[in-house]
Amino acid sequence: MALDWAKVKKTYGKGAEVPTVAGGKTLTVTGADDEAIHIKSPLWTAKLSRKNLEKGVELIEQGVIARDPGLFVEDYRIYVTDERATSAAHILRDLGILNKDEGYRPRC
């Protein structure tokens, strides 16, 4: 299942409040365009590039990156980018690509 960017733009194009994977907070999405999802907090603004998110989903499908949100963040930093990996996890969980967070589970 490749990342459906049309769905991403429809879901986040006009902005959204995305629940965080854990902690009961929200991630503020200010919009989405053909290149990225735009996010902000009171202290910073950033973007999650389409290219990196698509690569992350591709690696999930190949079994390289875990579907568990906590492990995903570690893997995403290693195999895709060290930029806003936790925010990427919030978005991919909201889109149903990552599993529900069930706490820390060791890999071995």
N, C-alpha and C. Protein backbone atom coordinates (compact mmCIF):
# COMPACT_ATOMS: atom_id res chain seq x y z
N MET A 1 0.84 -1.17 0.00
CA MET A 1 0.00 0.00 0.00
C MET A 1 0.88 1.23 0.00
N ALA A 2 1.03 1.84 -1.10
CA ALA A 2 1.80 3.08 -1.20
C ALA A 2 1.05 4.21 -0.52
N LEU A 3 1.75 5.24 -0.15
CA LEU A 3 1.13 6.40 0.47
C LEU A 3 0.29 7.13 -0.57
N ASP A 4 -1.00 7.24 -0.31
CA ASP A 4 -1.94 7.90 -1.21
C ASP A 4 -1.88 9.40 -0.95
N TRP A 5 -1.10 10.12 -1.78
CA TRP A 5 -0.88 11.54 -1.52
C TRP A 5 -2.15 12.35 -1.76
N ALA A 6 -3.03 11.91 -2.62
CA ALA A 6 -4.31 12.60 -2.79
C ALA A 6 -5.10 12.57 -1.48
N LYS A 7 -5.06 11.44 -0.79
CA LYS A 7 -5.73 11.32 0.51
C LYS A 7 -5.05 12.23 1.53
N VAL A 8 -3.74 12.29 1.50
CA VAL A 8 -2.98 13.15 2.41
C VAL A 8 -3.42 14.60 2.20
N LYS A 9 -3.47 15.05 0.97
CA LYS A 9 -3.86 16.44 0.69
C LYS A 9 -5.31 16.71 1.10
N LYS A 10 -6.17 15.73 0.87
CA LYS A 10 -7.58 15.90 1.26
C LYS A 10 -7.71 15.96 2.78
N THR A 11 -6.98 15.12 3.48
CA THR A 11 -7.06 15.05 4.93
C THR A 11 -6.43 16.26 5.60
N TYR A 12 -5.29 16.72 5.11
CA TYR A 12 -4.53 17.76 5.79
C TYR A 12 -4.41 19.08 5.02
N GLY A 13 -4.96 19.13 3.83
CA GLY A 13 -4.79 20.30 2.98
C GLY A 13 -5.23 21.62 3.59
N LYS A 14 -6.28 21.57 4.38
CA LYS A 14 -6.78 22.80 5.01
C LYS A 14 -6.39 22.90 6.47
N GLY A 15 -5.48 22.01 6.89
CA GLY A 15 -5.04 22.00 8.27
C GLY A 15 -5.81 20.97 9.08
N ALA A 16 -5.24 20.59 10.21
CA ALA A 16 -5.87 19.60 11.08
C ALA A 16 -5.13 19.55 12.41
N GLU A 17 -5.80 19.00 13.39
CA GLU A 17 -5.18 18.68 14.68
C GLU A 17 -5.07 17.17 14.73
N VAL A 18 -3.86 16.66 14.74
CA VAL A 18 -3.61 15.22 14.69
C VAL A 18 -3.23 14.75 16.09
N PRO A 19 -3.93 13.73 16.61
CA PRO A 19 -3.56 13.22 17.93
C PRO A 19 -2.15 12.62 17.91
N THR A 20 -1.40 12.87 18.96
CA THR A 20 -0.07 12.29 19.05
C THR A 20 -0.20 10.80 19.35
N VAL A 21 0.83 10.07 19.04
CA VAL A 21 0.84 8.62 19.25
C VAL A 21 0.62 8.31 20.73
N ALA A 22 1.22 9.07 21.60
CA ALA A 22 1.07 8.88 23.04
C ALA A 22 1.06 10.26 23.69
N GLY A 23 0.53 10.34 24.88
CA GLY A 23 0.61 11.60 25.62
C GLY A 23 -0.63 12.46 25.57
N GLY A 24 -1.59 12.11 24.74
CA GLY A 24 -2.84 12.85 24.71
C GLY A 24 -2.75 14.29 24.23
N LYS A 25 -1.78 14.59 23.42
CA LYS A 25 -1.63 15.94 22.87
C LYS A 25 -1.99 15.90 21.38
N THR A 26 -1.80 17.02 20.71
CA THR A 26 -2.06 17.07 19.27
C THR A 26 -0.89 17.73 18.55
N LEU A 27 -0.75 17.35 17.29
CA LEU A 27 0.21 17.97 16.37
C LEU A 27 -0.61 18.86 15.45
N THR A 28 -0.21 20.11 15.31
CA THR A 28 -0.94 21.04 14.46
C THR A 28 -0.40 20.97 13.04
N VAL A 29 -1.27 20.59 12.12
CA VAL A 29 -0.94 20.59 10.70
C VAL A 29 -1.56 21.86 10.12
N THR A 30 -0.76 22.66 9.44
CA THR A 30 -1.27 23.90 8.87
C THR A 30 -1.69 23.75 7.42
N GLY A 31 -1.30 22.64 6.79
CA GLY A 31 -1.70 22.40 5.41
C GLY A 31 -0.85 21.31 4.78
N ALA A 32 -1.24 20.95 3.57
CA ALA A 32 -0.49 19.98 2.78
C ALA A 32 -0.59 20.38 1.32
N ASP A 33 0.51 20.24 0.61
CA ASP A 33 0.53 20.55 -0.82
C ASP A 33 1.17 19.37 -1.56
N ASP A 34 1.56 19.57 -2.79
CA ASP A 34 2.13 18.48 -3.58
C ASP A 34 3.49 18.00 -3.06
N GLU A 35 4.16 18.81 -2.26
CA GLU A 35 5.52 18.49 -1.83
C GLU A 35 5.66 18.09 -0.37
N ALA A 36 4.74 18.53 0.50
CA ALA A 36 4.95 18.30 1.93
C ALA A 36 3.68 18.52 2.74
N ILE A 37 3.75 18.02 3.98
CA ILE A 37 2.77 18.34 5.01
C ILE A 37 3.43 19.38 5.90
N HIS A 38 2.75 20.48 6.15
CA HIS A 38 3.30 21.58 6.93
C HIS A 38 2.76 21.51 8.35
N ILE A 39 3.68 21.57 9.33
CA ILE A 39 3.30 21.44 10.73
C ILE A 39 3.88 22.60 11.53
N LYS A 40 3.32 22.81 12.73
CA LYS A 40 3.86 23.88 13.59
C LYS A 40 3.58 23.56 15.04
N SER A 41 4.36 24.20 15.89
CA SER A 41 4.16 24.20 17.33
C SER A 41 4.30 25.66 17.76
N PRO A 42 4.09 25.96 19.01
CA PRO A 42 4.30 27.35 19.42
C PRO A 42 5.73 27.85 19.23
N LEU A 43 6.69 26.93 19.12
CA LEU A 43 8.10 27.34 19.03
C LEU A 43 8.74 27.17 17.66
N TRP A 44 8.13 26.41 16.75
CA TRP A 44 8.77 26.13 15.47
C TRP A 44 7.73 25.81 14.40
N THR A 45 8.19 25.88 13.17
CA THR A 45 7.41 25.40 12.02
C THR A 45 8.32 24.46 11.24
N ALA A 46 7.72 23.50 10.57
CA ALA A 46 8.51 22.53 9.82
C ALA A 46 7.64 21.92 8.73
N LYS A 47 8.27 21.07 7.93
CA LYS A 47 7.50 20.34 6.93
C LYS A 47 7.99 18.90 6.91
N LEU A 48 7.06 18.01 6.59
CA LEU A 48 7.37 16.60 6.39
C LEU A 48 7.28 16.38 4.90
N SER A 49 8.42 16.12 4.28
CA SER A 49 8.44 16.04 2.83
C SER A 49 7.74 14.78 2.33
N ARG A 50 7.06 14.95 1.23
CA ARG A 50 6.37 13.84 0.58
C ARG A 50 7.36 12.72 0.26
N LYS A 51 8.50 13.10 -0.27
CA LYS A 51 9.52 12.13 -0.67
C LYS A 51 9.92 11.24 0.51
N ASN A 52 10.18 11.85 1.67
CA ASN A 52 10.60 11.08 2.84
C ASN A 52 9.47 10.22 3.38
N LEU A 53 8.26 10.76 3.44
CA LEU A 53 7.13 9.98 3.94
C LEU A 53 6.84 8.79 3.02
N GLU A 54 6.90 9.01 1.73
CA GLU A 54 6.68 7.91 0.78
C GLU A 54 7.77 6.84 0.92
N LYS A 55 9.01 7.28 1.11
CA LYS A 55 10.10 6.31 1.31
C LYS A 55 9.87 5.53 2.60
N GLY A 56 9.44 6.19 3.65
CA GLY A 56 9.15 5.52 4.91
C GLY A 56 8.07 4.46 4.76
N VAL A 57 6.99 4.79 4.06
CA VAL A 57 5.90 3.83 3.85
C VAL A 57 6.39 2.66 3.00
N GLU A 58 7.19 2.94 2.00
CA GLU A 58 7.74 1.87 1.15
C GLU A 58 8.58 0.91 1.99
N LEU A 59 9.39 1.45 2.90
CA LEU A 59 10.23 0.61 3.74
C LEU A 59 9.41 -0.17 4.78
N ILE A 60 8.29 0.40 5.21
CA ILE A 60 7.37 -0.34 6.08
C ILE A 60 6.84 -1.55 5.31
N GLU A 61 6.40 -1.33 4.08
CA GLU A 61 5.84 -2.41 3.26
C GLU A 61 6.87 -3.50 3.00
N GLN A 62 8.14 -3.12 2.90
CA GLN A 62 9.20 -4.10 2.65
C GLN A 62 9.64 -4.81 3.94
N GLY A 63 9.12 -4.37 5.08
CA GLY A 63 9.49 -4.98 6.35
C GLY A 63 10.78 -4.46 6.94
N VAL A 64 11.34 -3.41 6.36
CA VAL A 64 12.58 -2.84 6.86
C VAL A 64 12.32 -1.97 8.09
N ILE A 65 11.24 -1.20 8.04
CA ILE A 65 10.84 -0.31 9.13
C ILE A 65 9.63 -0.92 9.82
N ALA A 66 9.63 -0.84 11.16
CA ALA A 66 8.55 -1.41 11.97
C ALA A 66 7.27 -0.58 11.88
N ARG A 67 6.13 -1.26 12.06
CA ARG A 67 4.83 -0.59 12.12
C ARG A 67 4.51 -0.09 13.53
N ASP A 68 5.25 -0.57 14.52
CA ASP A 68 5.10 -0.08 15.90
C ASP A 68 5.61 1.36 15.93
N PRO A 69 4.80 2.31 16.44
CA PRO A 69 5.21 3.72 16.38
C PRO A 69 6.56 4.03 17.03
N GLY A 70 6.85 3.46 18.19
CA GLY A 70 8.13 3.73 18.85
C GLY A 70 9.32 3.21 18.07
N LEU A 71 9.18 2.00 17.58
CA LEU A 71 10.26 1.42 16.79
C LEU A 71 10.36 2.11 15.43
N PHE A 72 9.22 2.53 14.88
CA PHE A 72 9.21 3.26 13.61
C PHE A 72 10.11 4.49 13.70
N VAL A 73 9.99 5.24 14.78
CA VAL A 73 10.77 6.48 14.91
C VAL A 73 12.26 6.18 14.82
N GLU A 74 12.70 5.16 15.53
CA GLU A 74 14.12 4.79 15.46
C GLU A 74 14.52 4.40 14.03
N ASP A 75 13.70 3.55 13.41
CA ASP A 75 14.00 3.08 12.05
C ASP A 75 13.97 4.22 11.05
N TYR A 76 12.98 5.09 11.15
CA TYR A 76 12.84 6.22 10.22
C TYR A 76 14.08 7.11 10.28
N ARG A 77 14.57 7.33 11.49
CA ARG A 77 15.79 8.14 11.65
C ARG A 77 16.99 7.49 10.97
N ILE A 78 17.06 6.18 11.03
CA ILE A 78 18.19 5.46 10.45
C ILE A 78 18.09 5.35 8.93
N TYR A 79 16.92 4.95 8.44
CA TYR A 79 16.77 4.61 7.02
C TYR A 79 16.23 5.73 6.13
N VAL A 80 15.61 6.75 6.73
CA VAL A 80 15.01 7.80 5.89
C VAL A 80 15.61 9.16 6.21
N THR A 81 15.32 9.70 7.37
CA THR A 81 15.82 11.02 7.76
C THR A 81 15.72 11.19 9.26
N ASP A 82 16.58 12.00 9.81
CA ASP A 82 16.54 12.31 11.24
C ASP A 82 15.79 13.60 11.48
N GLU A 83 14.94 13.95 10.57
CA GLU A 83 14.22 15.21 10.67
C GLU A 83 12.74 14.96 10.98
N ARG A 84 12.30 15.33 12.16
CA ARG A 84 10.89 15.24 12.58
C ARG A 84 10.32 13.83 12.47
N ALA A 85 11.10 12.83 12.89
CA ALA A 85 10.65 11.44 12.82
C ALA A 85 9.42 11.20 13.69
N THR A 86 9.37 11.81 14.86
CA THR A 86 8.21 11.63 15.73
C THR A 86 6.97 12.24 15.10
N SER A 87 7.09 13.38 14.48
CA SER A 87 5.95 13.99 13.80
C SER A 87 5.47 13.12 12.64
N ALA A 88 6.41 12.51 11.93
CA ALA A 88 6.04 11.58 10.85
C ALA A 88 5.25 10.41 11.42
N ALA A 89 5.64 9.92 12.60
CA ALA A 89 4.91 8.82 13.24
C ALA A 89 3.48 9.23 13.57
N HIS A 90 3.29 10.45 14.06
CA HIS A 90 1.93 10.92 14.37
C HIS A 90 1.07 10.92 13.11
N ILE A 91 1.62 11.42 12.03
CA ILE A 91 0.87 11.50 10.77
C ILE A 91 0.56 10.10 10.24
N LEU A 92 1.56 9.24 10.19
CA LEU A 92 1.34 7.90 9.63
C LEU A 92 0.43 7.06 10.52
N ARG A 93 0.44 7.30 11.80
CA ARG A 93 -0.53 6.63 12.69
C ARG A 93 -1.94 7.15 12.40
N ASP A 94 -2.07 8.45 12.23
CA ASP A 94 -3.37 9.05 11.94
C ASP A 94 -3.93 8.53 10.62
N LEU A 95 -3.06 8.24 9.67
CA LEU A 95 -3.49 7.71 8.37
C LEU A 95 -3.74 6.20 8.41
N GLY A 96 -3.47 5.57 9.54
CA GLY A 96 -3.71 4.14 9.69
C GLY A 96 -2.59 3.24 9.17
N ILE A 97 -1.44 3.83 8.91
CA ILE A 97 -0.32 3.05 8.38
C ILE A 97 0.47 2.40 9.52
N LEU A 98 0.61 3.11 10.63
CA LEU A 98 1.28 2.54 11.79
C LEU A 98 0.25 1.94 12.73
N ASN A 99 0.68 0.97 13.51
CA ASN A 99 -0.18 0.34 14.50
C ASN A 99 -0.46 1.28 15.66
N LYS A 100 -1.46 0.96 16.45
CA LYS A 100 -1.75 1.69 17.67
C LYS A 100 -0.58 1.49 18.63
N ASP A 101 -0.21 2.53 19.36
CA ASP A 101 0.88 2.43 20.32
C ASP A 101 0.44 1.62 21.52
N GLU A 102 1.16 0.57 21.79
CA GLU A 102 0.84 -0.29 22.94
C GLU A 102 1.98 -0.32 23.93
N GLY A 103 2.78 0.74 23.97
CA GLY A 103 3.89 0.80 24.88
C GLY A 103 5.15 0.21 24.29
N TYR A 104 6.20 0.25 25.06
CA TYR A 104 7.50 -0.22 24.56
C TYR A 104 7.52 -1.74 24.51
N ARG A 105 7.98 -2.24 23.38
CA ARG A 105 8.21 -3.68 23.21
C ARG A 105 9.58 -3.85 22.59
N PRO A 106 10.47 -4.60 23.27
CA PRO A 106 11.80 -4.80 22.68
C PRO A 106 11.71 -5.61 21.40
N ARG A 107 12.68 -5.43 20.53
CA ARG A 107 12.72 -6.14 19.24
C ARG A 107 13.10 -7.58 19.40
N CYS A 108 13.85 -7.94 20.41
CA CYS A 108 14.33 -9.32 20.52
C CYS A 108 13.73 -10.04 21.71
